[in-house]
């Protein structure tokens, strides 16, 4: 199963737009539950960024600035 995680820079005044977001994709086992995926994504958040979204096989969950799930 394919998972795509996106993080957004905490600083909205980032000079270089390419530094605004980061993205990572991974192949994970089919039996991995969403809670584990979410924990890994939060743990892997780069310093100065926050979790924006997790896309698991086309189902996208959005997160606010504080890491709370909004969709």
Protein backbone atom coordinates (compact mmCIF):
# COMPACT_ATOMS: atom_id res chain seq x y z
CA UNK A 1 0.00 0.00 0.00
CA UNK A 2 1.30 3.48 -0.88
CA UNK A 3 1.29 6.34 1.67
CA UNK A 4 2.16 10.00 1.02
CA UNK A 5 2.79 12.39 3.92
CA UNK A 6 3.07 16.17 3.51
CA UNK A 7 4.49 18.66 6.01
CA UNK A 8 4.29 22.48 5.83
CA UNK A 9 6.83 24.99 7.18
CA UNK A 10 5.71 26.67 10.41
CA UNK A 11 7.02 30.02 9.19
CA UNK A 12 4.56 31.56 6.67
CA UNK A 13 7.21 34.12 5.59
CA UNK A 14 9.63 31.57 4.14
CA UNK A 15 11.60 33.31 1.41
CA UNK A 16 12.02 30.34 -0.92
CA UNK A 17 8.65 28.75 -1.81
CA UNK A 18 10.41 25.40 -2.31
CA UNK A 19 11.14 25.37 1.44
CA UNK A 20 7.43 25.81 2.24
CA UNK A 21 6.55 22.12 2.10
CA UNK A 22 8.10 18.68 2.28
CA UNK A 23 6.68 15.39 1.14
CA UNK A 24 7.56 11.75 1.60
CA UNK A 25 6.14 8.55 0.11
CA UNK A 26 6.46 5.00 1.39
CA UNK A 27 5.20 1.51 0.67
CA UNK A 28 3.77 -0.01 3.82
CA UNK A 29 2.22 -3.39 4.68
CA UNK A 30 -1.48 -3.73 3.86
CA UNK A 31 -2.30 -4.63 7.46
CA UNK A 32 -0.81 -1.45 9.04
CA UNK A 33 -3.56 0.50 10.81
CA UNK A 34 -4.10 4.24 10.35
CA UNK A 35 -3.15 5.11 13.95
CA UNK A 36 0.33 3.61 13.43
CA UNK A 37 0.75 5.49 10.13
CA UNK A 38 -0.26 8.73 11.86
CA UNK A 39 2.20 8.15 14.72
CA UNK A 40 5.05 7.51 12.26
CA UNK A 41 4.16 10.64 10.27
CA UNK A 42 4.12 12.84 13.38
CA UNK A 43 7.38 11.34 14.63
CA UNK A 44 9.04 11.95 11.25
CA UNK A 45 7.99 15.63 11.09
CA UNK A 46 11.07 17.73 10.21
CA UNK A 47 12.06 20.43 12.70
CA UNK A 48 10.28 23.70 11.93
CA UNK A 49 7.40 21.97 10.11
CA UNK A 50 3.97 20.59 11.01
CA UNK A 51 1.94 17.73 9.59
CA UNK A 52 -0.36 18.88 6.75
CA UNK A 53 -1.82 15.67 5.29
CA UNK A 54 -1.64 11.90 5.07
CA UNK A 55 -2.77 10.21 1.86
CA UNK A 56 -3.36 6.47 2.22
CA UNK A 57 -4.34 4.86 -1.08
CA UNK A 58 -6.19 8.01 -2.23
CA UNK A 59 -7.95 8.74 1.08
CA UNK A 60 -6.54 12.07 2.32
CA UNK A 61 -6.70 13.25 5.93
CA UNK A 62 -5.89 16.92 6.63
CA UNK A 63 -4.32 18.30 9.83
CA UNK A 64 -4.29 21.78 11.36
CA UNK A 65 -1.26 23.70 12.60
CA UNK A 66 -1.43 21.92 15.99
CA UNK A 67 -1.51 18.44 14.46
CA UNK A 68 -5.22 17.86 15.02
CA UNK A 69 -7.06 15.92 12.33
CA UNK A 70 -9.63 18.12 10.54
CA UNK A 71 -10.95 15.70 7.89
